Amino acid sequence: MRLISVDIGSTWTKGAAFVLSSPNELRVAKRAAHPTTVDDLSRGFNFVFDALSADGEHDELFYSSSAKGGLAIAAIGIVPDLTAEMAKLTAYSAGAKITHSFAYSLSAADIEALRNSNSDIILLAGGADGGNAHYPVENARKLADAGLAATIVFAGNRDVRDDVERILDGQDLVCVENILPGLDNPNPEPARAAIRELFLQRITKGKGLDRIVAHTGREPSPTPYALFEYCRNIAELAPEFGEFVMVDMGGATTDVYSVHEEKNQAGTVRRGLPEAKVKRTVEGDLGMRVSARSAAVAARKLDPSESLGPDSAFSVYVDRVSRAPETLARSLDEQKFDTVLASANLAHSLMRHSGRAHQVCTVEGLVNVQVGRDLTDVPQIIGTGGYLSATADFRPQNSLSSLTADEYGKRVLAPLRARYLRDPEYILPLLANVAAAHPMAAVRAGLSALVENN
């Protein structure tokens, strides 16, 4: 069986033809790539698809897209560490990027920020079932008065759903089950399904993806959604591989996925939401090209020396690549500058993804208070994406060793001692697409493709 998989990225559209020789055996037969045609995504897609199908008919096609900014969602909840955080995590797991996150009552400034954000979806949450009824209804009224163009997904207190539907009558509204019906009972799946359905039905229009759908008869998946599900496939189908963190570093953003099961530890008290086994976060200000300037700021926090200062050759290079994202490092100095950017992106994205711990004094003695996930014992980090896939001598351990404490003195629970595995062929996003129909074969092919950077 011959399969074709294509991923439309912000800079490159890349694809591969695979041969499925048995239910669990998959090999690459051909690769193709083309610069993403941002004015009409179908042109770059068609170039790659035609190159891959030139050798004969294919049996199945899979494709994904993160181009033109991907899926943009604004998340609204009540308590920042509970429903607002759950709204963010739900959007991330659906393959979205967060344009804004709001808690409690929307202010006039919040509404103006939403108006200027061009979000595809507003995820309105808040209140456990039978709990707070004030904020979801009040925020629904403010959204109704604002008349925003975004689709609104209501996933809050079910007791006020009728009120929300009445208030937002005439708006583009979808109502699903509460994402947090009880404080210890996260329920993201109905909202995730609604978000993905909206992506397929409405958001692909106007970006050239609708022409691809018409031509192929197949619908795309958001690239981060496909990778999130692929991480879940690895956890379920290859448990012997163990826990891991995957970092997908692009020109504009750095996505972090982790597969980790939290365990109770004596002397540790957890605060906040229960941690899901698979988690995704995305850092929209950390990237190798489009976001190079903010990545440079992060790099200076790791190394405040003059060699990275505002008047340095490093800063000149950063300005150049941020203006021309297609720029490739040529000289040895430029290659070193890319290493600096990549180290900062990886270190800071992992720091934000990981949990925190600090000690408090109680009548029973010192107690550790933990917020978020403890990744300190996760044994491996997988690097994928343009720079991480291409660079055989990249070593993240040096930059990770600096992640001992955050600016508040709290211990950062990042995987400081993990081995580093690289996706040298940048094949994981393409296999993630195939995994929707052939998960075991895609998992085996992906894990066998990884190499260790010693």
Protein backbone atom coordinates (compact mmCIF):
# COMPACT_ATOMS: atom_id res chain seq x y z
CA MET A 1 0.00 0.00 0.00
CA ARG A 2 1.32 3.46 -0.96
CA LEU A 3 0.59 6.45 1.30
CA ILE A 4 1.27 10.15 0.85
CA SER A 5 1.63 12.56 3.76
CA VAL A 6 2.07 16.35 3.42
CA ASP A 7 2.57 19.01 6.10
CA ILE A 8 2.00 22.67 5.19
CA GLY A 9 4.25 24.69 7.48
CA SER A 10 4.70 28.42 7.84
CA THR A 11 7.92 28.36 5.78
CA TRP A 12 8.07 25.00 3.98
CA THR A 13 5.51 22.55 2.65
CA LYS A 14 7.07 19.10 2.92
CA GLY A 15 5.86 15.61 2.18
CA ALA A 16 6.76 11.97 1.87
CA ALA A 17 5.50 8.92 0.07
CA PHE A 18 5.45 5.82 2.28
CA VAL A 19 5.10 2.14 1.49
CA LEU A 20 3.07 0.18 4.04
CA SER A 21 4.41 -3.34 3.51
CA SER A 22 2.53 -4.85 6.46
CA PRO A 23 0.17 -3.49 9.14
CA ASN A 24 3.18 -2.55 11.27
CA GLU A 25 5.92 -1.82 8.71
CA LEU A 26 6.29 1.56 7.03
CA ARG A 27 9.19 2.90 4.98
CA VAL A 28 9.88 6.13 3.16
CA ALA A 29 9.89 5.82 -0.63
CA LYS A 30 10.26 9.46 -1.67
CA ARG A 31 10.52 12.98 -0.20
CA ALA A 32 9.56 16.37 -1.63
CA ALA A 33 9.41 19.97 -0.39
CA HIS A 34 8.50 23.43 -1.64
CA PRO A 35 8.43 26.88 -0.02
CA THR A 36 4.97 27.44 1.39
CA THR A 37 2.93 29.69 -0.92
CA VAL A 38 1.32 31.86 1.73
CA ASP A 39 -0.96 33.69 -0.71
CA ASP A 40 -2.52 30.37 -1.79
CA LEU A 41 -1.49 27.30 0.19
CA SER A 42 -2.80 24.99 -2.51
CA ARG A 43 -0.03 25.93 -4.96
CA GLY A 44 2.79 24.72 -2.73
CA PHE A 45 0.74 21.69 -1.71
CA ASN A 46 0.07 20.74 -5.33
CA PHE A 47 3.77 20.96 -6.19
CA VAL A 48 4.68 18.54 -3.38
CA PHE A 49 1.71 16.26 -4.01
CA ASP A 50 2.44 16.02 -7.76
CA ALA A 51 6.11 15.24 -7.08
CA LEU A 52 5.20 12.45 -4.68
CA SER A 53 2.49 10.95 -6.88
CA ALA A 54 4.53 11.05 -10.09
CA ASP A 55 5.69 7.46 -9.57
CA GLY A 56 2.17 6.06 -9.51
CA GLU A 57 -1.20 6.07 -7.83
CA HIS A 58 -1.47 6.29 -4.06
CA ASP A 59 -3.94 4.49 -1.84
CA GLU A 60 -4.29 7.07 0.93
CA LEU A 61 -3.53 10.75 1.44
CA PHE A 62 -2.97 12.55 4.75
CA TYR A 63 -2.10 16.20 5.23
CA SER A 64 -1.89 18.83 7.92
CA SER A 65 -1.34 22.56 8.13
CA SER A 66 0.08 25.07 10.56
CA ALA A 67 0.54 27.78 7.92
CA LYS A 68 -0.82 31.31 8.09
CA GLY A 69 -0.64 31.29 11.87
CA GLY A 70 -2.53 28.04 12.41
CA LEU A 71 -5.66 27.94 14.54
CA ALA A 72 -6.01 31.01 16.80
CA ILE A 73 -8.10 30.82 19.97
CA ALA A 74 -8.83 33.25 22.79
CA ALA A 75 -9.55 31.45 26.09
CA ILE A 76 -11.85 32.85 28.79
CA GLY A 77 -12.37 31.34 32.23
CA ILE A 78 -12.89 32.48 35.80
CA VAL A 79 -10.11 31.50 38.21
CA PRO A 80 -6.73 31.86 36.44
CA ASP A 81 -5.31 28.61 37.83
CA LEU A 82 -8.49 26.59 37.24
CA THR A 83 -11.07 27.23 34.52
CA ALA A 84 -8.94 29.79 32.66
CA GLU A 85 -5.99 27.41 32.71
CA MET A 86 -8.22 24.51 31.64
CA ALA A 87 -9.48 26.55 28.69
CA LYS A 88 -5.89 27.19 27.61
CA LEU A 89 -4.90 23.53 27.92
CA THR A 90 -7.98 22.44 25.98
CA ALA A 91 -7.15 24.83 23.15
CA TYR A 92 -3.51 23.72 23.09
CA SER A 93 -4.46 20.05 22.91
CA ALA A 94 -6.76 20.82 19.97
CA GLY A 95 -3.77 22.17 18.04
CA ALA A 96 -4.39 25.87 18.58
CA LYS A 97 -2.27 28.80 19.58
CA ILE A 98 -3.59 31.11 22.29
CA THR A 99 -3.97 34.73 21.24
CA HIS A 100 -5.26 35.85 24.66
CA SER A 101 -6.29 34.32 27.97
CA PHE A 102 -8.73 36.12 30.29
CA ALA A 103 -10.06 35.43 33.78
CA TYR A 104 -13.05 36.73 35.74
CA SER A 105 -14.99 39.57 34.07
CA LEU A 106 -14.02 40.85 30.63
CA SER A 107 -13.04 44.52 30.73
CA ALA A 108 -13.43 47.08 27.96
CA ALA A 109 -9.70 46.66 27.28
CA ASP A 110 -10.16 42.89 27.04
CA ILE A 111 -12.95 43.30 24.49
CA GLU A 112 -10.79 45.67 22.47
CA ALA A 113 -7.92 43.16 22.58
CA LEU A 114 -10.29 40.46 21.31
CA ARG A 115 -11.47 42.77 18.56
CA ASN A 116 -7.89 43.31 17.40
CA SER A 117 -6.70 39.72 17.80
CA ASN A 118 -8.34 38.13 14.73
CA SER A 119 -8.99 34.99 16.76
CA ASP A 120 -10.76 32.20 14.88
CA ILE A 121 -12.50 30.92 18.02
CA ILE A 122 -13.35 32.27 21.47
CA LEU A 123 -13.48 29.46 24.02
CA LEU A 124 -15.84 30.66 26.76
CA ALA A 125 -15.59 28.59 29.95
CA GLY A 126 -16.12 29.14 33.63
CA GLY A 127 -17.93 27.67 36.57
CA ALA A 128 -18.16 24.04 37.61
CA ASP A 129 -21.54 22.49 36.87
CA GLY A 130 -23.87 23.96 39.46
CA GLY A 131 -21.18 26.46 40.48
CA ASN A 132 -20.45 30.06 39.54
CA ALA A 133 -23.19 31.39 37.25
CA HIS A 134 -22.31 35.08 37.30
CA TYR A 135 -19.14 35.34 35.23
CA PRO A 136 -20.11 33.07 32.29
CA VAL A 137 -23.39 34.96 31.81
CA GLU A 138 -21.79 38.39 32.26
CA ASN A 139 -19.01 37.57 29.79
CA ALA A 140 -21.56 36.21 27.31
CA ARG A 141 -23.41 39.55 27.46
CA LYS A 142 -20.20 41.46 26.84
CA LEU A 143 -19.33 39.24 23.88
CA ALA A 144 -22.84 39.72 22.48
CA ASP A 145 -22.54 43.50 22.77
CA ALA A 146 -19.13 43.41 21.09
CA GLY A 147 -20.44 41.62 17.99
CA LEU A 148 -17.13 39.87 17.29
CA ALA A 149 -16.69 37.81 14.14
CA ALA A 150 -15.10 34.81 15.87
CA THR A 151 -16.99 31.59 16.52
CA ILE A 152 -17.79 31.21 20.24
CA VAL A 153 -17.54 27.78 21.84
CA PHE A 154 -19.27 27.71 25.22
CA ALA A 155 -17.85 25.00 27.48
CA GLY A 156 -18.73 26.24 30.94
CA ASN A 157 -21.30 25.72 33.71
CA ARG A 158 -24.12 23.67 32.18
CA ASP A 159 -26.67 25.34 34.47
CA VAL A 160 -26.33 28.62 32.54
CA ARG A 161 -26.16 27.15 29.03
CA ASP A 162 -29.73 28.19 28.23
CA ASP A 163 -28.94 31.76 29.34
CA VAL A 164 -25.79 31.84 27.23
CA GLU A 165 -27.65 30.53 24.18
CA ARG A 166 -30.34 33.17 24.62
CA ILE A 167 -27.84 36.00 25.10
CA LEU A 168 -25.73 34.94 22.11
CA ASP A 169 -28.67 34.17 19.85
CA GLY A 170 -27.71 35.19 16.33
CA GLN A 171 -23.98 34.77 17.04
CA ASP A 172 -21.88 31.94 15.64
CA LEU A 173 -22.18 29.79 18.78
CA VAL A 174 -21.42 26.15 19.59
CA CYS A 175 -22.25 24.71 23.04
CA VAL A 176 -20.52 21.60 24.41
CA GLU A 177 -20.05 19.91 27.77
CA ASN A 178 -18.21 21.75 30.52
CA ILE A 179 -14.40 21.43 30.27
CA LEU A 180 -14.22 21.42 34.09
CA PRO A 181 -17.51 20.08 35.50
CA GLY A 182 -15.78 19.48 38.84
CA LEU A 183 -12.48 20.76 40.19
CA ASP A 184 -10.94 17.29 40.07
CA ASN A 185 -12.67 16.20 36.86
CA PRO A 186 -11.22 17.79 33.69
CA ASN A 187 -13.31 17.08 30.58
CA PRO A 188 -11.54 18.60 27.54
CA GLU A 189 -12.60 16.11 24.84
CA PRO A 190 -15.99 17.58 23.80
CA ALA A 191 -14.49 21.06 23.37
CA ARG A 192 -11.45 19.63 21.53
CA ALA A 193 -13.75 17.81 19.11
CA ALA A 194 -15.80 20.97 18.51
CA ILE A 195 -12.67 23.04 17.88
CA ARG A 196 -11.31 20.56 15.37
CA GLU A 197 -14.69 20.36 13.61
CA LEU A 198 -14.76 24.13 13.33
CA PHE A 199 -11.27 24.08 11.87
CA LEU A 200 -12.35 21.58 9.23
CA GLN A 201 -15.70 23.16 8.37
CA ARG A 202 -15.05 26.89 8.48
CA ILE A 203 -11.55 28.05 9.27
CA THR A 204 -9.88 26.35 6.28
CA LYS A 205 -11.85 28.56 3.93
CA GLY A 206 -10.02 31.53 2.50
CA LYS A 207 -6.54 30.13 3.08
CA GLY A 208 -6.40 27.94 0.01
CA LEU A 209 -7.07 24.83 2.06
CA ASP A 210 -10.62 24.72 0.74
CA ARG A 211 -9.20 24.26 -2.76
CA ILE A 212 -7.08 21.36 -1.52
CA VAL A 213 -10.14 19.77 0.08
CA ALA A 214 -12.10 20.16 -3.16
CA HIS A 215 -9.24 18.67 -5.19
CA THR A 216 -8.37 15.73 -2.94
CA GLY A 217 -11.63 15.01 -1.18
CA ARG A 218 -9.69 14.87 2.11
CA GLU A 219 -9.69 17.30 5.01
CA PRO A 220 -6.56 18.57 6.79
CA SER A 221 -5.59 18.31 10.41
CA PRO A 222 -3.93 21.10 12.40
CA THR A 223 -0.27 20.02 12.59
CA PRO A 224 -0.04 20.43 16.40
CA TYR A 225 -3.21 18.37 16.86
CA ALA A 226 -1.70 15.56 14.77
CA LEU A 227 1.53 15.66 16.81
CA PHE A 228 -0.39 15.71 20.09
CA GLU A 229 -2.28 12.58 19.07
CA TYR A 230 0.97 11.02 17.83
CA CYS A 231 2.53 11.50 21.27
CA ARG A 232 -0.52 9.78 22.73
CA ASN A 233 -0.03 6.92 20.22
CA ILE A 234 3.60 6.50 21.30
CA ALA A 235 2.58 6.37 24.96
CA GLU A 236 -0.13 3.78 24.33
CA LEU A 237 1.49 1.60 21.65
CA ALA A 238 5.15 1.75 22.70
CA PRO A 239 5.08 1.99 26.52
CA GLU A 240 8.55 0.45 26.64
CA PHE A 241 9.92 3.69 25.14
CA GLY A 242 9.11 5.43 28.40
CA GLU A 243 8.19 9.00 29.23
CA PHE A 244 9.47 11.79 27.01
CA VAL A 245 9.32 15.44 26.06
CA MET A 246 9.09 16.44 22.39
CA VAL A 247 10.20 19.91 21.25
CA ASP A 248 9.07 21.04 17.78
CA MET A 249 11.00 24.21 16.99
CA GLY A 250 10.01 26.32 14.01
CA GLY A 251 10.76 29.75 12.67
CA ALA A 252 7.91 31.45 14.53
CA THR A 253 6.98 29.21 17.48
CA THR A 254 8.29 26.41 19.66
CA ASP A 255 5.82 23.69 20.61
CA VAL A 256 6.46 21.41 23.58
CA TYR A 257 4.70 18.08 24.16
CA SER A 258 5.23 15.89 27.19
CA VAL A 259 4.13 12.37 28.03
CA HIS A 260 4.36 11.98 31.79
CA GLU A 261 2.31 10.39 34.56
CA GLU A 262 2.33 12.38 37.81
CA LYS A 263 2.91 10.26 40.93
CA ASN A 264 2.13 11.11 44.51
CA GLN A 265 5.20 11.86 46.58
CA ALA A 266 5.43 11.96 50.35
CA GLY A 267 5.95 15.48 51.62
CA THR A 268 4.65 17.12 48.43
CA VAL A 269 1.33 18.95 48.12
CA ARG A 270 0.00 19.75 44.66
CA ARG A 271 -1.90 22.88 43.73
CA GLY A 272 -3.93 23.60 40.61
CA LEU A 273 -5.46 21.29 38.03
CA PRO A 274 -4.73 17.57 37.81
CA GLU A 275 -2.07 17.02 35.14
CA ALA A 276 -3.06 15.06 32.02
CA LYS A 277 -0.68 12.37 30.83
CA VAL A 278 -0.16 14.13 27.49
CA LYS A 279 0.26 17.90 27.48
CA ARG A 280 1.09 20.54 24.88
CA THR A 281 2.13 24.16 25.22
CA VAL A 282 3.24 26.56 22.51
CA GLU A 283 5.51 29.58 22.82
CA GLY A 284 4.58 32.10 20.16
CA ASP A 285 7.53 34.36 20.98
CA LEU A 286 10.25 31.72 20.64
CA GLY A 287 11.39 30.77 17.15
CA MET A 288 14.45 30.65 14.93
CA ARG A 289 13.45 33.30 12.39
CA VAL A 290 10.13 35.19 12.63
CA SER A 291 10.48 35.30 16.42
CA ALA A 292 14.28 35.64 16.46
CA ARG A 293 14.27 39.02 18.22
CA SER A 294 12.33 37.78 21.24
CA ALA A 295 14.41 34.58 21.20
CA ALA A 296 17.50 36.80 21.41
CA VAL A 297 16.07 38.46 24.53
CA ALA A 298 15.66 34.98 26.04
CA ALA A 299 19.23 34.13 25.04
CA ARG A 300 20.58 37.17 26.87
CA LYS A 301 18.91 35.96 30.06
CA LEU A 302 21.01 32.81 29.80
CA ASP A 303 24.17 34.72 28.77
CA PRO A 304 24.21 38.46 29.57
CA SER A 305 27.69 38.97 28.10
CA GLU A 306 28.46 41.73 25.60
CA SER A 307 28.88 39.17 22.82
CA LEU A 308 25.07 38.95 22.65
CA GLY A 309 24.42 42.63 23.37
CA PRO A 310 22.38 45.05 21.25
CA ASP A 311 25.44 46.27 19.31
CA SER A 312 26.94 42.85 18.67
CA ALA A 313 27.28 40.85 15.46
CA PHE A 314 24.73 38.49 17.00
CA SER A 315 22.12 41.27 17.10
CA VAL A 316 22.86 42.23 13.49
CA TYR A 317 22.26 38.61 12.48
CA VAL A 318 19.06 38.40 14.51
CA ASP A 319 17.66 41.52 12.83
CA ARG A 320 18.50 40.11 9.41
CA VAL A 321 16.89 36.69 9.88
CA SER A 322 13.76 38.14 11.49
CA ARG A 323 13.28 40.36 8.42
CA ALA A 324 14.05 37.51 5.99
CA PRO A 325 12.92 34.21 7.61
CA GLU A 326 14.21 32.19 4.66
CA THR A 327 17.80 33.12 5.61
CA LEU A 328 20.15 30.20 6.24
CA ALA A 329 23.27 30.37 8.37
CA ARG A 330 26.35 30.34 6.13
CA SER A 331 29.46 31.21 8.12
CA LEU A 332 30.72 29.54 11.29
CA ASP A 333 29.73 32.62 13.29
CA GLU A 334 26.18 32.51 11.92
CA GLN A 335 25.94 28.81 12.76
CA LYS A 336 27.01 29.64 16.32
CA PHE A 337 24.34 32.36 16.46
CA ASP A 338 21.70 29.82 15.42
CA THR A 339 22.91 27.54 18.20
CA VAL A 340 22.46 30.39 20.69
CA LEU A 341 18.91 31.01 19.46
CA ALA A 342 18.01 27.30 19.50
CA SER A 343 19.43 26.83 23.01
CA ALA A 344 17.40 29.77 24.30
CA ASN A 345 14.23 28.59 22.58
CA LEU A 346 14.54 25.08 23.95
CA ALA A 347 15.51 26.11 27.48
CA HIS A 348 12.82 28.76 27.91
CA SER A 349 10.04 26.74 26.27
CA LEU A 350 10.82 23.80 28.55
CA MET A 351 10.96 26.11 31.55
CA ARG A 352 7.49 27.45 30.76
CA HIS A 353 6.11 23.97 30.09
CA SER A 354 7.46 22.48 33.33
CA GLY A 355 6.05 22.86 36.80
CA ARG A 356 7.44 24.68 39.83
CA ALA A 357 8.09 23.67 43.43
CA HIS A 358 8.91 25.57 46.58
CA GLN A 359 8.99 24.83 50.28
CA VAL A 360 6.64 26.21 52.92
CA CYS A 361 6.89 25.88 56.66
CA THR A 362 3.92 24.17 58.37
CA VAL A 363 3.25 22.90 61.88
CA GLU A 364 4.41 19.50 60.63
CA GLY A 365 7.66 20.88 59.21
CA LEU A 366 8.78 21.81 55.70
CA VAL A 367 6.44 20.78 52.88
CA ASN A 368 7.06 20.95 49.14
CA VAL A 369 4.31 22.75 47.21
CA GLN A 370 4.17 21.77 43.54
CA VAL A 371 2.29 23.48 40.71
CA GLY A 372 2.33 21.86 37.26
CA ARG A 373 4.16 18.74 36.16
CA ASP A 374 7.40 17.39 37.56
CA LEU A 375 9.54 16.42 34.56
CA THR A 376 12.85 16.16 36.40
CA ASP A 377 13.07 12.38 35.95
CA VAL A 378 11.80 12.21 32.36
CA PRO A 379 14.61 10.28 30.61
CA GLN A 380 14.51 11.69 27.07
CA ILE A 381 13.91 14.80 25.02
CA ILE A 382 13.03 14.49 21.32
CA GLY A 383 14.01 17.37 19.05
CA THR A 384 12.20 17.95 15.76
CA GLY A 385 11.73 20.89 13.43
CA GLY A 386 14.08 22.58 10.97
CA TYR A 387 17.09 23.43 13.12
CA LEU A 388 16.76 20.63 15.66
CA SER A 389 16.34 18.02 12.93
CA ALA A 390 19.23 19.28 10.83
CA THR A 391 21.88 19.89 13.50
CA ALA A 392 23.79 16.78 14.52
CA ASP A 393 26.06 18.50 17.05
CA PHE A 394 23.41 20.42 18.99
CA ARG A 395 23.62 19.79 22.73
CA PRO A 396 20.75 21.16 24.83
CA GLN A 397 22.15 19.98 28.15
CA ASN A 398 24.29 23.08 28.76
CA SER A 399 21.39 25.52 28.48
CA LEU A 400 19.09 23.20 30.44
CA SER A 401 21.56 23.07 33.32
CA SER A 402 20.81 26.74 34.02
CA LEU A 403 17.12 26.02 34.68
CA THR A 404 17.48 25.52 38.40
CA ALA A 405 15.14 28.29 39.60
CA ASP A 406 12.80 30.87 38.09
CA GLU A 407 12.79 34.61 38.77
CA TYR A 408 10.76 34.01 41.96
CA GLY A 409 13.24 31.51 43.38
CA LYS A 410 10.99 28.52 42.76
CA ARG A 411 12.60 25.30 41.56
CA VAL A 412 11.97 24.57 37.88
CA LEU A 413 10.87 20.95 37.40
CA ALA A 414 12.42 20.54 33.94
CA PRO A 415 14.17 17.40 32.56
CA LEU A 416 17.73 18.54 33.26
CA ARG A 417 19.44 15.14 32.90
CA ALA A 418 17.53 13.68 29.94
CA ARG A 419 19.27 12.24 26.91
CA TYR A 420 18.63 14.08 23.66
CA LEU A 421 17.16 12.28 20.62
CA ARG A 422 16.93 13.94 17.21
CA ASP A 423 14.50 13.47 14.32
CA PRO A 424 17.15 13.85 11.58
CA GLU A 425 14.81 13.47 8.62
CA TYR A 426 12.12 15.77 10.09
CA ILE A 427 9.73 12.89 9.56
CA LEU A 428 7.65 12.96 12.76
CA PRO A 429 4.99 15.48 11.59
CA LEU A 430 4.45 13.41 8.44
CA LEU A 431 4.20 10.18 10.43
CA ALA A 432 1.81 11.92 12.82
CA ASN A 433 -0.57 12.39 9.89
CA VAL A 434 -0.30 8.72 8.89
CA ALA A 435 -0.89 7.65 12.49
CA ALA A 436 -4.54 8.69 12.17
CA ALA A 437 -5.10 5.48 10.17
CA HIS A 438 -2.00 3.37 10.82
CA PRO A 439 -0.87 4.21 14.36
CA MET A 440 1.37 1.23 15.12
CA ALA A 441 3.28 1.45 11.85
CA ALA A 442 3.74 5.20 12.27
CA VAL A 443 4.95 4.83 15.86
CA ARG A 444 7.47 2.13 14.98
CA ALA A 445 8.80 4.11 12.01
CA GLY A 446 9.14 7.28 14.07
CA LEU A 447 10.97 5.74 17.00
CA SER A 448 13.33 3.84 14.71
CA ALA A 449 14.17 7.11 12.92
CA LEU A 450 15.46 8.83 16.06
CA VAL A 451 19.20 9.20 16.66
CA GLU A 452 20.95 10.24 19.86
CA ASN A 453 23.13 13.36 19.95
CA ASN A 454 25.91 12.37 22.32
